[in-house]
Amino acid sequence: MGFRILVDRLWPRGISKERAALDVWAKEVAPSPELRKWFNHKPERFKEFSARYTEELEHNSEVQKLKEQAKTHGSVLLLYGAKDPRVNHAVVLQEYLQQHFKH
C-alpha cells in the first residue's frame, strides 16, 4: 500500500480522517491558495499552472521533508481530492519529485 501522504491544502469533503488512513498530511506542499484559486481545475490553464506550481515548489522548504519521507519509506502514495486524475497538482508534484529525487 505504501506510505500515504495527502498533498491537498484543504481536507477532502466527505472523507473522515480515520477512513483516509493517512500517514502524513503535507498541506504545506500544496499550491498556494492564490494559485489554486486561479487554476480552478481548468484544463486549459494546466500548462501555466504546472509552471507556476513548479516555481513554488522550488522555493518551498517543506518539499525537502517530503523527499526525505519518500526516501525513508520507499513506496509513497500521493493522495489528492481532485476529480481529474490527469489535471491536478499531484501530477505536477509527482513529476517534480521524480525529477529531483536523484539529487
PDB file of N, CA and C in Angstrom:
ATOM      1  N   MET A   1       0.831  -1.189   0.000  1.00  0.00           N
ATOM      2  CA  MET A   1       0.000   0.000   0.000  1.00  0.00           C
ATOM      3  C   MET A   1       0.871   1.246   0.000  1.00  0.00           C
ATOM      4  N   GLY A   2       1.995   1.242   0.652  1.00  0.00           N
ATOM      5  CA  GLY A   2       2.889   2.390   0.637  1.00  0.00           C
ATOM      6  C   GLY A   2       2.573   3.409   1.724  1.00  0.00           C
ATOM      7  N   PHE A   3       3.442   4.373   1.833  1.00  0.00           N
ATOM      8  CA  PHE A   3       3.328   5.476   2.785  1.00  0.00           C
ATOM      9  C   PHE A   3       2.353   6.479   2.181  1.00  0.00           C
ATOM     10  N   ARG A   4       1.250   6.734   2.862  1.00  0.00           N
ATOM     11  CA  ARG A   4       0.136   7.529   2.312  1.00  0.00           C
ATOM     12  C   ARG A   4       0.252   8.984   2.740  1.00  0.00           C
ATOM     13  N   ILE A   5       0.396   9.885   1.738  1.00  0.00           N
ATOM     14  CA  ILE A   5       0.567  11.315   2.002  1.00  0.00           C
ATOM     15  C   ILE A   5      -0.517  12.102   1.274  1.00  0.00           C
ATOM     16  N   LEU A   6      -1.337  12.810   2.045  1.00  0.00           N
ATOM     17  CA  LEU A   6      -2.320  13.721   1.451  1.00  0.00           C
ATOM     18  C   LEU A   6      -1.600  15.014   1.108  1.00  0.00           C
ATOM     19  N   VAL A   7      -1.679  15.426  -0.146  1.00  0.00           N
ATOM     20  CA  VAL A   7      -0.949  16.608  -0.613  1.00  0.00           C
ATOM     21  C   VAL A   7      -1.882  17.763  -0.975  1.00  0.00           C
ATOM     22  N   ASP A   8      -3.074  17.770  -0.413  1.00  0.00           N
ATOM     23  CA  ASP A   8      -4.015  18.879  -0.595  1.00  0.00           C
ATOM     24  C   ASP A   8      -3.905  19.852   0.568  1.00  0.00           C
ATOM     25  N   ARG A   9      -4.099  21.118   0.293  1.00  0.00           N
ATOM     26  CA  ARG A   9      -4.104  22.134   1.345  1.00  0.00           C
ATOM     27  C   ARG A   9      -5.388  22.044   2.173  1.00  0.00           C
ATOM     28  N   LEU A  10      -6.485  21.688   1.511  1.00  0.00           N
ATOM     29  CA  LEU A  10      -7.778  21.558   2.180  1.00  0.00           C
ATOM     30  C   LEU A  10      -8.129  20.080   2.340  1.00  0.00           C
ATOM     31  N   TRP A  11      -8.766  19.764   3.450  1.00  0.00           N
ATOM     32  CA  TRP A  11      -9.177  18.379   3.677  1.00  0.00           C
ATOM     33  C   TRP A  11     -10.293  18.015   2.686  1.00  0.00           C
ATOM     34  N   PRO A  12     -10.223  16.844   2.035  1.00  0.00           N
ATOM     35  CA  PRO A  12     -11.249  16.450   1.063  1.00  0.00           C
ATOM     36  C   PRO A  12     -12.627  16.277   1.722  1.00  0.00           C
ATOM     37  N   ARG A  13     -13.639  16.776   1.069  1.00  0.00           N
ATOM     38  CA  ARG A  13     -15.007  16.675   1.585  1.00  0.00           C
ATOM     39  C   ARG A  13     -15.444  15.220   1.660  1.00  0.00           C
ATOM     40  N   GLY A  14     -16.165  14.932   2.716  1.00  0.00           N
ATOM     41  CA  GLY A  14     -16.786  13.615   2.830  1.00  0.00           C
ATOM     42  C   GLY A  14     -15.864  12.486   3.235  1.00  0.00           C
ATOM     43  N   ILE A  15     -14.626  12.787   3.567  1.00  0.00           N
ATOM     44  CA  ILE A  15     -13.670  11.748   3.964  1.00  0.00           C
ATOM     45  C   ILE A  15     -13.271  11.990   5.415  1.00  0.00           C
ATOM     46  N   SER A  16     -13.503  10.998   6.254  1.00  0.00           N
ATOM     47  CA  SER A  16     -13.085  11.135   7.649  1.00  0.00           C
ATOM     48  C   SER A  16     -11.590  10.850   7.750  1.00  0.00           C
ATOM     49  N   LYS A  17     -10.974  11.377   8.776  1.00  0.00           N
ATOM     50  CA  LYS A  17      -9.539  11.140   8.972  1.00  0.00           C
ATOM     51  C   LYS A  17      -9.267   9.663   9.202  1.00  0.00           C
ATOM     52  N   GLU A  18     -10.179   8.970   9.861  1.00  0.00           N
ATOM     53  CA  GLU A  18     -10.000   7.539  10.088  1.00  0.00           C
ATOM     54  C   GLU A  18     -10.070   6.772   8.766  1.00  0.00           C
ATOM     55  N   ARG A  19     -11.045   7.111   7.942  1.00  0.00           N
ATOM     56  CA  ARG A  19     -11.217   6.421   6.660  1.00  0.00           C
ATOM     57  C   ARG A  19     -10.049   6.701   5.706  1.00  0.00           C
ATOM     58  N   ALA A  20      -9.478   7.885   5.784  1.00  0.00           N
ATOM     59  CA  ALA A  20      -8.368   8.237   4.899  1.00  0.00           C
ATOM     60  C   ALA A  20      -7.123   7.410   5.216  1.00  0.00           C
ATOM     61  N   ALA A  21      -6.955   7.040   6.472  1.00  0.00           N
ATOM     62  CA  ALA A  21      -5.817   6.221   6.908  1.00  0.00           C
ATOM     63  C   ALA A  21      -4.490   6.792   6.410  1.00  0.00           C
ATOM     64  N   LEU A  22      -4.278   8.069   6.660  1.00  0.00           N
ATOM     65  CA  LEU A  22      -3.067   8.752   6.201  1.00  0.00           C
ATOM     66  C   LEU A  22      -1.895   8.493   7.137  1.00  0.00           C
ATOM     67  N   ASP A  23      -0.724   8.594   6.563  1.00  0.00           N
ATOM     68  CA  ASP A  23       0.489   8.617   7.376  1.00  0.00           C
ATOM     69  C   ASP A  23       0.898  10.065   7.633  1.00  0.00           C
ATOM     70  N   VAL A  24       0.684  10.932   6.629  1.00  0.00           N
ATOM     71  CA  VAL A  24       1.067  12.339   6.744  1.00  0.00           C
ATOM     72  C   VAL A  24       0.090  13.187   5.935  1.00  0.00           C
ATOM     73  N   TRP A  25      -0.212  14.362   6.456  1.00  0.00           N
ATOM     74  CA  TRP A  25      -0.947  15.368   5.691  1.00  0.00           C
ATOM     75  C   TRP A  25       0.042  16.481   5.406  1.00  0.00           C
ATOM     76  N   ALA A  26       0.546  16.537   4.187  1.00  0.00           N
ATOM     77  CA  ALA A  26       1.569  17.503   3.786  1.00  0.00           C
ATOM     78  C   ALA A  26       0.925  18.691   3.073  1.00  0.00           C
ATOM     79  N   LYS A  27       0.067  19.401   3.778  1.00  0.00           N
ATOM     80  CA  LYS A  27      -0.663  20.509   3.147  1.00  0.00           C
ATOM     81  C   LYS A  27       0.254  21.643   2.729  1.00  0.00           C
ATOM     82  N   GLU A  28       1.428  21.738   3.326  1.00  0.00           N
ATOM     83  CA  GLU A  28       2.358  22.822   3.009  1.00  0.00           C
ATOM     84  C   GLU A  28       2.970  22.697   1.617  1.00  0.00           C
ATOM     85  N   VAL A  29       2.913  21.500   1.022  1.00  0.00           N
ATOM     86  CA  VAL A  29       3.472  21.338  -0.328  1.00  0.00           C
ATOM     87  C   VAL A  29       2.423  21.558  -1.420  1.00  0.00           C
ATOM     88  N   ALA A  30       1.199  21.774  -1.024  1.00  0.00           N
ATOM     89  CA  ALA A  30       0.137  22.042  -1.997  1.00  0.00           C
ATOM     90  C   ALA A  30       0.333  23.434  -2.603  1.00  0.00           C
ATOM     91  N   PRO A  31      -0.305  23.689  -3.739  1.00  0.00           N
ATOM     92  CA  PRO A  31      -0.206  25.032  -4.334  1.00  0.00           C
ATOM     93  C   PRO A  31      -0.732  26.097  -3.373  1.00  0.00           C
ATOM     94  N   SER A  32      -0.210  27.292  -3.503  1.00  0.00           N
ATOM     95  CA  SER A  32      -0.682  28.411  -2.678  1.00  0.00           C
ATOM     96  C   SER A  32      -2.171  28.622  -2.931  1.00  0.00           C
ATOM     97  N   PRO A  33      -2.881  29.173  -1.946  1.00  0.00           N
ATOM     98  CA  PRO A  33      -4.311  29.438  -2.163  1.00  0.00           C
ATOM     99  C   PRO A  33      -4.577  30.297  -3.406  1.00  0.00           C
ATOM    100  N   GLU A  34      -3.718  31.284  -3.649  1.00  0.00           N
ATOM    101  CA  GLU A  34      -3.906  32.152  -4.821  1.00  0.00           C
ATOM    102  C   GLU A  34      -3.777  31.359  -6.123  1.00  0.00           C
ATOM    103  N   LEU A  35      -2.763  30.497  -6.200  1.00  0.00           N
ATOM    104  CA  LEU A  35      -2.559  29.708  -7.413  1.00  0.00           C
ATOM    105  C   LEU A  35      -3.685  28.698  -7.587  1.00  0.00           C
ATOM    106  N   ARG A  36      -4.081  28.068  -6.510  1.00  0.00           N
ATOM    107  CA  ARG A  36      -5.174  27.091  -6.566  1.00  0.00           C
ATOM    108  C   ARG A  36      -6.458  27.747  -7.073  1.00  0.00           C
ATOM    109  N   LYS A  37      -6.770  28.927  -6.568  1.00  0.00           N
ATOM    110  CA  LYS A  37      -7.991  29.626  -6.999  1.00  0.00           C
ATOM    111  C   LYS A  37      -7.893  30.053  -8.462  1.00  0.00           C
ATOM    112  N   TRP A  38      -6.715  30.527  -8.877  1.00  0.00           N
ATOM    113  CA  TRP A  38      -6.531  30.932 -10.275  1.00  0.00           C
ATOM    114  C   TRP A  38      -6.719  29.744 -11.211  1.00  0.00           C
ATOM    115  N   PHE A  39      -6.107  28.623 -10.870  1.00  0.00           N
ATOM    116  CA  PHE A  39      -6.183  27.428 -11.713  1.00  0.00           C
ATOM    117  C   PHE A  39      -7.617  26.917 -11.822  1.00  0.00           C
ATOM    118  N   ASN A  40      -8.290  26.767 -10.686  1.00  0.00           N
ATOM    119  CA  ASN A  40      -9.693  26.366 -10.639  1.00  0.00           C
ATOM    120  C   ASN A  40      -9.971  25.087 -11.439  1.00  0.00           C
ATOM    121  N   HIS A  41      -8.987  24.214 -11.547  1.00  0.00           N
ATOM    122  CA  HIS A  41      -9.087  22.919 -12.241  1.00  0.00           C
ATOM    123  C   HIS A  41      -9.516  23.052 -13.706  1.00  0.00           C
ATOM    124  N   LYS A  42      -9.141  24.161 -14.334  1.00  0.00           N
ATOM    125  CA  LYS A  42      -9.468  24.363 -15.748  1.00  0.00           C
ATOM    126  C   LYS A  42      -8.337  23.759 -16.598  1.00  0.00           C
ATOM    127  N   PRO A  43      -8.656  22.751 -17.395  1.00  0.00           N
ATOM    128  CA  PRO A  43      -7.628  22.072 -18.188  1.00  0.00           C
ATOM    129  C   PRO A  43      -6.813  23.014 -19.080  1.00  0.00           C
ATOM    130  N   GLU A  44      -7.449  24.064 -19.603  1.00  0.00           N
ATOM    131  CA  GLU A  44      -6.732  24.987 -20.486  1.00  0.00           C
ATOM    132  C   GLU A  44      -5.672  25.799 -19.730  1.00  0.00           C
ATOM    133  N   ARG A  45      -5.720  25.816 -18.421  1.00  0.00           N
ATOM    134  CA  ARG A  45      -4.729  26.533 -17.611  1.00  0.00           C
ATOM    135  C   ARG A  45      -3.656  25.599 -17.040  1.00  0.00           C
ATOM    136  N   PHE A  46      -3.759  24.316 -17.324  1.00  0.00           N
ATOM    137  CA  PHE A  46      -2.877  23.356 -16.659  1.00  0.00           C
ATOM    138  C   PHE A  46      -1.394  23.574 -16.975  1.00  0.00           C
ATOM    139  N   LYS A  47      -1.072  23.883 -18.208  1.00  0.00           N
ATOM    140  CA  LYS A  47       0.330  24.090 -18.563  1.00  0.00           C
ATOM    141  C   LYS A  47       0.928  25.262 -17.774  1.00  0.00           C
ATOM    142  N   GLU A  48       0.226  26.383 -17.741  1.00  0.00           N
ATOM    143  CA  GLU A  48       0.688  27.551 -16.990  1.00  0.00           C
ATOM    144  C   GLU A  48       0.681  27.260 -15.488  1.00  0.00           C
ATOM    145  N   PHE A  49      -0.352  26.570 -15.025  1.00  0.00           N
ATOM    146  CA  PHE A  49      -0.418  26.177 -13.613  1.00  0.00           C
ATOM    147  C   PHE A  49       0.790  25.328 -13.243  1.00  0.00           C
ATOM    148  N   SER A  50       1.125  24.368 -14.079  1.00  0.00           N
ATOM    149  CA  SER A  50       2.264  23.482 -13.813  1.00  0.00           C
ATOM    150  C   SER A  50       3.555  24.275 -13.659  1.00  0.00           C
ATOM    151  N   ALA A  51       3.761  25.243 -14.533  1.00  0.00           N
ATOM    152  CA  ALA A  51       4.969  26.069 -14.463  1.00  0.00           C
ATOM    153  C   ALA A  51       4.984  26.902 -13.178  1.00  0.00           C
ATOM    154  N   ARG A  52       3.862  27.502 -12.842  1.00  0.00           N
ATOM    155  CA  ARG A  52       3.794  28.322 -11.628  1.00  0.00           C
ATOM    156  C   ARG A  52       3.957  27.474 -10.368  1.00  0.00           C
ATOM    157  N   TYR A  53       3.319  26.314 -10.348  1.00  0.00           N
ATOM    158  CA  TYR A  53       3.409  25.442  -9.173  1.00  0.00           C
ATOM    159  C   TYR A  53       4.828  24.897  -9.019  1.00  0.00           C
ATOM    160  N   THR A  54       5.462  24.553 -10.119  1.00  0.00           N
ATOM    161  CA  THR A  54       6.848  24.090 -10.065  1.00  0.00           C
ATOM    162  C   THR A  54       7.739  25.172  -9.478  1.00  0.00           C
ATOM    163  N   GLU A  55       7.498  26.413  -9.853  1.00  0.00           N
ATOM    164  CA  GLU A  55       8.253  27.538  -9.286  1.00  0.00           C
ATOM    165  C   GLU A  55       8.020  27.633  -7.773  1.00  0.00           C
ATOM    166  N   GLU A  56       6.792  27.458  -7.348  1.00  0.00           N
ATOM    167  CA  GLU A  56       6.511  27.458  -5.908  1.00  0.00           C
ATOM    168  C   GLU A  56       7.255  26.328  -5.207  1.00  0.00           C
ATOM    169  N   LEU A  57       7.271  25.159  -5.819  1.00  0.00           N
ATOM    170  CA  LEU A  57       7.955  24.011  -5.211  1.00  0.00           C
ATOM    171  C   LEU A  57       9.453  24.267  -5.053  1.00  0.00           C
ATOM    172  N   GLU A  58      10.028  24.979  -6.021  1.00  0.00           N
ATOM    173  CA  GLU A  58      11.456  25.295  -5.969  1.00  0.00           C
ATOM    174  C   GLU A  58      11.808  26.120  -4.734  1.00  0.00           C
ATOM    175  N   HIS A  59      10.855  26.881  -4.227  1.00  0.00           N
ATOM    176  CA  HIS A  59      11.109  27.777  -3.093  1.00  0.00           C
ATOM    177  C   HIS A  59      10.399  27.322  -1.817  1.00  0.00           C
ATOM    178  N   ASN A  60       9.937  26.083  -1.790  1.00  0.00           N
ATOM    179  CA  ASN A  60       9.171  25.568  -0.659  1.00  0.00           C
ATOM    180  C   ASN A  60      10.057  24.635   0.172  1.00  0.00           C
ATOM    181  N   SER A  61      10.384  25.048   1.375  1.00  0.00           N
ATOM    182  CA  SER A  61      11.265  24.250   2.238  1.00  0.00           C
ATOM    183  C   SER A  61      10.619  22.936   2.671  1.00  0.00           C
ATOM    184  N   GLU A  62       9.316  22.838   2.614  1.00  0.00           N
ATOM    185  CA  GLU A  62       8.618  21.612   3.026  1.00  0.00           C
ATOM    186  C   GLU A  62       8.822  20.472   2.025  1.00  0.00           C
ATOM    187  N   VAL A  63       9.210  20.791   0.808  1.00  0.00           N
ATOM    188  CA  VAL A  63       9.433  19.764  -0.206  1.00  0.00           C
ATOM    189  C   VAL A  63      10.569  18.834   0.216  1.00  0.00           C
ATOM    190  N   GLN A  64      11.579  19.380   0.856  1.00  0.00           N
ATOM    191  CA  GLN A  64      12.696  18.552   1.322  1.00  0.00           C
ATOM    192  C   GLN A  64      12.206  17.493   2.313  1.00  0.00           C
ATOM    193  N   LYS A  65      11.303  17.853   3.192  1.00  0.00           N
ATOM    194  CA  LYS A  65      10.741  16.882   4.149  1.00  0.00           C
ATOM    195  C   LYS A  65      10.014  15.761   3.397  1.00  0.00           C
ATOM    196  N   LEU A  66       9.281  16.142   2.364  1.00  0.00           N
ATOM    197  CA  LEU A  66       8.561  15.155   1.570  1.00  0.00           C
ATOM    198  C   LEU A  66       9.539  14.206   0.872  1.00  0.00           C
ATOM    199  N   LYS A  67      10.619  14.760   0.347  1.00  0.00           N
ATOM    200  CA  LYS A  67      11.638  13.930  -0.301  1.00  0.00           C
ATOM    201  C   LYS A  67      12.264  12.960   0.702  1.00  0.00           C
ATOM    202  N   GLU A  68      12.521  13.429   1.906  1.00  0.00           N
ATOM    203  CA  GLU A  68      13.109  12.577   2.937  1.00  0.00           C
ATOM    204  C   GLU A  68      12.148  11.457   3.335  1.00  0.00           C
ATOM    205  N   GLN A  69      10.869  11.776   3.435  1.00  0.00           N
ATOM    206  CA  GLN A  69       9.884  10.749   3.762  1.00  0.00           C
ATOM    207  C   GLN A  69       9.831   9.696   2.659  1.00  0.00           C
ATOM    208  N   ALA A  70       9.898  10.142   1.422  1.00  0.00           N
ATOM    209  CA  ALA A  70       9.874   9.205   0.305  1.00  0.00           C
ATOM    210  C   ALA A  70      11.095   8.285   0.340  1.00  0.00           C
ATOM    211  N   LYS A  71      12.248   8.839   0.632  1.00  0.00           N
ATOM    212  CA  LYS A  71      13.456   8.022   0.715  1.00  0.00           C
ATOM    213  C   LYS A  71      13.361   7.015   1.852  1.00  0.00           C
ATOM    214  N   THR A  72      12.843   7.452   2.974  1.00  0.00           N
ATOM    215  CA  THR A  72      12.734   6.589   4.152  1.00  0.00           C
ATOM    216  C   THR A  72      11.764   5.438   3.930  1.00  0.00           C
ATOM    217  N   HIS A  73      10.651   5.719   3.274  1.00  0.00           N
ATOM    218  CA  HIS A  73       9.589   4.728   3.155  1.00  0.00           C
ATOM    219  C   HIS A  73       9.556   3.995   1.818  1.00  0.00           C
ATOM    220  N   GLY A  74      10.346   4.438   0.868  1.00  0.00           N
ATOM    221  CA  GLY A  74      10.394   3.753  -0.422  1.00  0.00           C
ATOM    222  C   GLY A  74       9.142   3.968  -1.246  1.00  0.00           C
ATOM    223  N   SER A  75       8.116   3.207  -0.989  1.00  0.00           N
ATOM    224  CA  SER A  75       6.864   3.306  -1.733  1.00  0.00           C
ATOM    225  C   SER A  75       5.986   4.388  -1.111  1.00  0.00           C
ATOM    226  N   VAL A  76       5.666   5.410  -1.907  1.00  0.00           N
ATOM    227  CA  VAL A  76       4.867   6.542  -1.433  1.00  0.00           C
ATOM    228  C   VAL A  76       3.649   6.708  -2.330  1.00  0.00           C
ATOM    229  N   LEU A  77       2.507   6.952  -1.709  1.00  0.00           N
ATOM    230  CA  LEU A  77       1.274   7.183  -2.437  1.00  0.00           C
ATOM    231  C   LEU A  77       0.819   8.613  -2.158  1.00  0.00           C
ATOM    232  N   LEU A  78       0.796   9.450  -3.198  1.00  0.00           N
ATOM    233  CA  LEU A  78       0.314  10.829  -3.067  1.00  0.00           C
ATOM    234  C   LEU A  78      -1.196  10.823  -3.240  1.00  0.00           C
ATOM    235  N   LEU A  79      -1.898  11.295  -2.229  1.00  0.00           N
ATOM    236  CA  LEU A  79      -3.353  11.336  -2.265  1.00  0.00           C
ATOM    237  C   LEU A  79      -3.831  12.764  -2.479  1.00  0.00           C
ATOM    238  N   TYR A  80      -4.937  12.912  -3.201  1.00  0.00           N
ATOM    239  CA  TYR A  80      -5.474  14.233  -3.508  1.00  0.00           C
ATOM    240  C   TYR A  80      -6.982  14.119  -3.694  1.00  0.00           C
ATOM    241  N   GLY A  81      -7.667  15.232  -3.631  1.00  0.00           N
ATOM    242  CA  GLY A  81      -9.112  15.233  -3.754  1.00  0.00           C
ATOM    243  C   GLY A  81      -9.648  15.633  -5.115  1.00  0.00           C
ATOM    244  N   ALA A  82      -8.788  16.021  -6.039  1.00  0.00           N
ATOM    245  CA  ALA A  82      -9.248  16.466  -7.363  1.00  0.00           C
ATOM    246  C   ALA A  82      -9.928  15.318  -8.107  1.00  0.00           C
ATOM    247  N   LYS A  83     -10.910  15.660  -8.915  1.00  0.00           N
ATOM    248  CA  LYS A  83     -11.658  14.638  -9.651  1.00  0.00           C
ATOM    249  C   LYS A  83     -10.913  14.134 -10.881  1.00  0.00           C
ATOM    250  N   ASP A  84     -10.154  14.990 -11.529  1.00  0.00           N
ATOM    251  CA  ASP A  84      -9.452  14.612 -12.760  1.00  0.00           C
ATOM    252  C   ASP A  84      -8.072  14.064 -12.404  1.00  0.00           C
ATOM    253  N   PRO A  85      -7.806  12.802 -12.693  1.00  0.00           N
ATOM    254  CA  PRO A  85      -6.518  12.210 -12.321  1.00  0.00           C
ATOM    255  C   PRO A  85      -5.335  12.691 -13.168  1.00  0.00           C
ATOM    256  N   ARG A  86      -5.597  13.414 -14.255  1.00  0.00           N
ATOM    257  CA  ARG A  86      -4.507  13.881 -15.124  1.00  0.00           C
ATOM    258  C   ARG A  86      -4.258  15.379 -15.032  1.00  0.00           C
ATOM    259  N   VAL A  87      -5.236  16.119 -14.541  1.00  0.00           N
ATOM    260  CA  VAL A  87      -5.134  17.579 -14.484  1.00  0.00           C
ATOM    261  C   VAL A  87      -5.312  18.006 -13.028  1.00  0.00           C
ATOM    262  N   ASN A  88      -4.222  17.888 -12.275  1.00  0.00           N
ATOM    263  CA  ASN A  88      -4.251  18.287 -10.875  1.00  0.00           C
ATOM    264  C   ASN A  88      -2.827  18.488 -10.364  1.00  0.00           C
ATOM    265  N   HIS A  89      -2.698  19.102  -9.216  1.00  0.00           N
ATOM    266  CA  HIS A  89      -1.377  19.435  -8.682  1.00  0.00           C
ATOM    267  C   HIS A  89      -0.559  18.212  -8.293  1.00  0.00           C
ATOM    268  N   ALA A  90      -1.201  17.105  -7.921  1.00  0.00           N
ATOM    269  CA  ALA A  90      -0.451  15.913  -7.528  1.00  0.00           C
ATOM    270  C   ALA A  90       0.357  15.359  -8.701  1.00  0.00           C
ATOM    271  N   VAL A  91      -0.142  15.510  -9.902  1.00  0.00           N
ATOM    272  CA  VAL A  91       0.585  15.078 -11.102  1.00  0.00           C
ATOM    273  C   VAL A  91       1.884  15.889 -11.230  1.00  0.00           C
ATOM    274  N   VAL A  92       1.769  17.190 -11.025  1.00  0.00           N
ATOM    275  CA  VAL A  92       2.929  18.080 -11.110  1.00  0.00           C
ATOM    276  C   VAL A  92       3.910  17.764  -9.985  1.00  0.00           C
ATOM    277  N   LEU A  93       3.397  17.562  -8.789  1.00  0.00           N
ATOM    278  CA  LEU A  93       4.246  17.245  -7.646  1.00  0.00           C
ATOM    279  C   LEU A  93       4.966  15.919  -7.846  1.00  0.00           C
ATOM    280  N   GLN A  94       4.274  14.919  -8.333  1.00  0.00           N
ATOM    281  CA  GLN A  94       4.900  13.620  -8.579  1.00  0.00           C
ATOM    282  C   GLN A  94       6.044  13.758  -9.587  1.00  0.00           C
ATOM    283  N   GLU A  95       5.794  14.460 -10.671  1.00  0.00           N
ATOM    284  CA  GLU A  95       6.829  14.666 -11.687  1.00  0.00           C
ATOM    285  C   GLU A  95       8.018  15.425 -11.098  1.00  0.00           C
ATOM    286  N   TYR A  96       7.726  16.451 -10.318  1.00  0.00           N
ATOM    287  CA  TYR A  96       8.783  17.240  -9.678  1.00  0.00           C
ATOM    288  C   TYR A  96       9.636  16.356  -8.768  1.00  0.00           C
ATOM    289  N   LEU A  97       8.997  15.554  -7.948  1.00  0.00           N
ATOM    290  CA  LEU A  97       9.735  14.677  -7.037  1.00  0.00           C
ATOM    291  C   LEU A  97      10.569  13.662  -7.802  1.00  0.00           C
ATOM    292  N   GLN A  98      10.004  13.089  -8.856  1.00  0.00           N
ATOM    293  CA  GLN A  98      10.749  12.113  -9.648  1.00  0.00           C
ATOM    294  C   GLN A  98      11.977  12.756 -10.291  1.00  0.00           C
ATOM    295  N   GLN A  99      11.842  13.974 -10.780  1.00  0.00           N
ATOM    296  CA  GLN A  99      12.973  14.662 -11.412  1.00  0.00           C
ATOM    297  C   GLN A  99      14.046  15.045 -10.409  1.00  0.00           C
ATOM    298  N   HIS A 100      13.649  15.375  -9.171  1.00  0.00           N
ATOM    299  CA  HIS A 100      14.579  15.860  -8.166  1.00  0.00           C
ATOM    300  C   HIS A 100      14.984  14.815  -7.152  1.00  0.00           C
ATOM    301  N   PHE A 101      14.468  13.612  -7.295  1.00  0.00           N
ATOM    302  CA  PHE A 101      14.746  12.569  -6.328  1.00  0.00           C
ATOM    303  C   PHE A 101      16.194  12.113  -6.387  1.00  0.00           C
ATOM    304  N   LYS A 102      16.806  12.246  -7.533  1.00  0.00           N
ATOM    305  CA  LYS A 102      18.186  11.801  -7.728  1.00  0.00           C
ATOM    306  C   LYS A 102      19.181  12.689  -6.986  1.00  0.00           C
ATOM    307  N   HIS A 103      18.772  13.913  -6.652  1.00  0.00           N
ATOM    308  CA  HIS A 103      19.692  14.894  -6.064  1.00  0.00           C
ATOM    309  C   HIS A 103      19.846  14.690  -4.588  1.00  0.00           C
TER     310      HIS A 103
END
